Amino acid sequence: MLGDIQVPRQQFLQFTLEPDTNLILPLFQLTEILTVPLGQITPIPHMPSWTMGVHNWRGDVLWVIDFGAFLGLTSWHLQSGSRTNYRVIILNGGVPFDLDPSQRRRSPGQRNQMLGLVVTEVKDITWCETDQIQSPPAASIGSDLAPYVRGFWVSPPGVMYVVLDAQAIVGRLMTTPRAASS
């Protein structure tokens, strides 16, 4: 169950991580999708291996995370294929997953936390009936992924997607950028 307020139909961004992991995030929790050339993410010393560094995004410092490595999957640098760019999903972690669309406005002066996730591939935008999102069985997901999972959704062609919550991801990663090496 997504909470007390149910939004019957939402748009989600489909993306993948290696190995063969299909994920979706609510579109309203995203700010932008970037293509960042290799070399434009500045590494920061003494950070966890999944922290790729920072990127100058519209004059702001954007922390960039290797999302696969963070979740205990294949690190971006260990994936097959030669690439010249990173695919970065910018999360807007200030918007709760189950918030009614009319409630999604920020208060004056409130600044949302932004975070960039490097992913293997960005797929498409899809509509999802939120009442079809099923709670995850405890044994079906790893402990690294569990805090960020809202459930599973099976698309009409039969592909299973892990439904994530950007607010939970940003909340964990942005509260401890220097302490994240623990």
Protein backbone atom coordinates (compact mmCIF):
# COMPACT_ATOMS: atom_id res chain seq x y z
CA MET A 1 0.00 0.00 0.00
CA LEU A 2 1.37 3.42 -0.91
CA GLY A 3 -0.15 5.33 1.97
CA ASP A 4 -3.48 6.86 2.95
CA ILE A 5 -3.78 9.02 -0.16
CA GLN A 6 -4.06 7.06 -3.38
CA VAL A 7 -3.27 8.55 -6.75
CA PRO A 8 -4.95 6.08 -9.13
CA ARG A 9 -2.67 6.57 -12.13
CA GLN A 10 0.83 8.04 -12.36
CA GLN A 11 3.60 8.37 -14.89
CA PHE A 12 6.88 6.58 -14.15
CA LEU A 13 10.32 6.63 -15.75
CA GLN A 14 11.60 3.18 -16.72
CA PHE A 15 15.35 2.53 -16.47
CA THR A 16 17.75 -0.35 -16.04
CA LEU A 17 20.77 -1.34 -14.00
CA GLU A 18 23.01 -4.31 -14.70
CA PRO A 19 22.48 -7.20 -14.32
CA ASP A 20 18.97 -7.23 -15.88
CA THR A 21 17.30 -5.06 -13.24
CA ASN A 22 14.25 -3.07 -14.38
CA LEU A 23 13.25 -0.15 -12.19
CA ILE A 24 10.75 2.72 -12.25
CA LEU A 25 10.53 6.02 -10.40
CA PRO A 26 7.52 8.35 -10.21
CA LEU A 27 8.02 11.02 -12.84
CA PHE A 28 7.04 13.81 -10.45
CA GLN A 29 10.02 12.89 -8.24
CA LEU A 30 12.45 13.55 -11.11
CA THR A 31 13.83 16.86 -12.27
CA GLU A 32 15.74 16.01 -15.42
CA ILE A 33 17.67 13.34 -17.31
CA LEU A 34 21.17 14.35 -18.35
CA THR A 35 23.77 13.01 -20.71
CA VAL A 36 27.09 13.91 -19.10
CA PRO A 37 30.32 13.40 -21.08
CA LEU A 38 33.00 11.30 -19.40
CA GLY A 39 35.40 13.51 -17.48
CA GLN A 40 32.77 16.06 -16.41
CA ILE A 41 32.16 14.49 -13.02
CA THR A 42 34.81 15.61 -10.56
CA PRO A 43 35.84 12.84 -8.12
CA ILE A 44 35.91 13.72 -4.42
CA PRO A 45 38.55 11.93 -2.30
CA HIS A 46 37.69 9.79 0.71
CA MET A 47 34.14 9.05 -0.40
CA PRO A 48 32.46 5.66 -0.75
CA SER A 49 33.16 3.82 -3.98
CA TRP A 50 29.62 4.46 -5.21
CA THR A 51 30.07 8.25 -4.96
CA MET A 52 31.33 9.23 -8.39
CA GLY A 53 31.80 12.89 -7.44
CA VAL A 54 30.18 16.21 -8.28
CA HIS A 55 29.00 17.83 -11.49
CA ASN A 56 28.38 21.49 -12.28
CA TRP A 57 24.68 21.48 -13.13
CA ARG A 58 23.33 24.92 -14.02
CA GLY A 59 25.75 26.54 -11.61
CA ASP A 60 24.85 24.25 -8.71
CA VAL A 61 26.89 21.39 -7.29
CA LEU A 62 25.17 18.11 -8.07
CA TRP A 63 26.34 15.00 -6.20
CA VAL A 64 26.50 12.05 -8.61
CA ILE A 65 26.12 8.46 -7.44
CA ASP A 66 26.84 5.16 -9.23
CA PHE A 67 23.36 3.84 -8.49
CA GLY A 68 24.14 0.23 -9.42
CA ALA A 69 27.11 0.11 -7.07
CA PHE A 70 25.10 1.81 -4.31
CA LEU A 71 22.43 -0.91 -4.53
CA GLY A 72 24.97 -3.73 -4.53
CA LEU A 73 24.61 -4.42 -8.26
CA THR A 74 27.22 -4.03 -11.01
CA SER A 75 29.21 -0.80 -10.84
CA TRP A 76 28.94 1.45 -13.89
CA HIS A 77 32.69 1.12 -14.50
CA LEU A 78 32.47 -2.70 -14.58
CA GLN A 79 29.64 -2.89 -17.11
CA SER A 80 30.25 -4.19 -20.60
CA GLY A 81 30.45 -1.91 -23.61
CA SER A 82 32.34 1.24 -24.38
CA ARG A 83 30.60 4.45 -23.46
CA THR A 84 31.41 8.10 -23.94
CA ASN A 85 28.67 9.50 -21.68
CA TYR A 86 26.98 8.92 -18.36
CA ARG A 87 23.16 8.73 -18.20
CA VAL A 88 22.18 10.67 -15.10
CA ILE A 89 18.70 10.81 -13.58
CA ILE A 90 18.31 13.86 -11.35
CA LEU A 91 16.07 13.08 -8.41
CA ASN A 92 13.98 15.63 -6.58
CA GLY A 93 13.93 14.13 -3.12
CA GLY A 94 11.64 16.72 -1.57
CA VAL A 95 8.42 15.18 -2.91
CA PRO A 96 6.87 12.22 -1.07
CA PHE A 97 5.97 9.16 -3.15
CA ASP A 98 2.28 9.03 -2.30
CA LEU A 99 1.53 12.74 -2.16
CA ASP A 100 -1.67 13.82 -3.87
CA PRO A 101 -0.87 15.83 -7.05
CA SER A 102 -2.57 18.94 -5.65
CA GLN A 103 -0.23 18.83 -2.63
CA ARG A 104 3.07 18.63 -4.55
CA ARG A 105 3.92 22.33 -4.43
CA ARG A 106 6.89 23.52 -2.42
CA SER A 107 6.57 26.10 0.30
CA PRO A 108 8.09 29.52 -0.47
CA GLY A 109 11.81 29.43 0.21
CA GLN A 110 11.91 25.64 0.45
CA ARG A 111 14.79 24.16 -1.54
CA ASN A 112 14.50 20.59 -2.69
CA GLN A 113 17.47 18.29 -2.41
CA MET A 114 18.76 17.11 -5.78
CA LEU A 115 20.90 14.08 -6.49
CA GLY A 116 22.18 12.55 -9.73
CA LEU A 117 22.02 8.79 -10.26
CA VAL A 118 24.14 7.21 -12.98
CA VAL A 119 22.17 4.33 -14.50
CA THR A 120 22.84 1.81 -17.25
CA GLU A 121 20.02 2.86 -19.56
CA VAL A 122 17.00 5.17 -19.48
CA LYS A 123 14.08 3.52 -21.24
CA ASP A 124 10.72 5.24 -21.52
CA ILE A 125 7.91 6.90 -19.61
CA THR A 126 4.95 4.69 -18.77
CA TRP A 127 1.60 5.03 -17.06
CA CYS A 128 1.00 2.80 -14.06
CA GLU A 129 -2.17 2.09 -12.14
CA THR A 130 -0.85 2.56 -8.61
CA ASP A 131 -3.29 0.05 -7.17
CA GLN A 132 -1.44 -2.59 -9.21
CA ILE A 133 1.81 -1.94 -7.32
CA GLN A 134 2.31 -4.90 -5.04
CA SER A 135 4.15 -4.84 -1.73
CA PRO A 136 7.54 -6.50 -1.99
CA PRO A 137 7.92 -9.91 -0.35
CA ALA A 138 10.64 -9.51 2.28
CA ALA A 139 12.73 -12.38 0.91
CA SER A 140 12.65 -11.12 -2.69
CA ILE A 141 14.85 -8.03 -2.30
CA GLY A 142 18.27 -7.51 -0.81
CA SER A 143 18.88 -5.43 2.28
CA ASP A 144 20.73 -2.78 0.20
CA LEU A 145 17.63 -2.16 -1.91
CA ALA A 146 14.82 -2.71 0.62
CA PRO A 147 14.69 0.81 2.17
CA TYR A 148 14.07 2.39 -1.25
CA VAL A 149 11.51 -0.05 -2.65
CA ARG A 150 7.81 0.77 -2.64
CA GLY A 151 6.82 -2.42 -4.40
CA PHE A 152 6.73 -4.31 -7.68
CA TRP A 153 4.74 -3.61 -10.80
CA VAL A 154 4.23 -5.91 -13.77
CA SER A 155 3.73 -4.02 -17.04
CA PRO A 156 1.08 -5.21 -19.52
CA PRO A 157 3.69 -7.04 -21.66
CA GLY A 158 4.68 -8.91 -18.47
CA VAL A 159 7.94 -7.17 -17.51
CA MET A 160 8.47 -6.86 -13.75
CA TYR A 161 9.70 -3.50 -12.44
CA VAL A 162 10.97 -2.55 -9.02
CA VAL A 163 9.14 0.62 -7.92
CA LEU A 164 11.49 3.03 -6.12
CA ASP A 165 10.96 6.11 -3.96
CA ALA A 166 13.25 9.05 -4.78
CA GLN A 167 12.58 10.76 -1.46
CA ALA A 168 13.92 7.74 0.44
CA ILE A 169 17.00 7.54 -1.82
CA VAL A 170 17.84 11.25 -1.56
CA GLY A 171 17.08 11.25 2.16
CA ARG A 172 19.70 8.55 2.78
CA LEU A 173 22.36 9.84 0.42
CA MET A 174 22.09 13.58 1.02
CA THR A 175 22.02 13.42 4.79
CA THR A 176 25.43 11.77 4.95
CA PRO A 177 27.63 12.76 1.97
CA ARG A 178 30.77 12.94 4.12
CA ALA A 179 29.68 10.24 6.55
CA ALA A 180 28.50 8.02 3.68
CA SER A 181 31.82 6.19 3.71
CA SER A 182 30.53 4.13 6.61
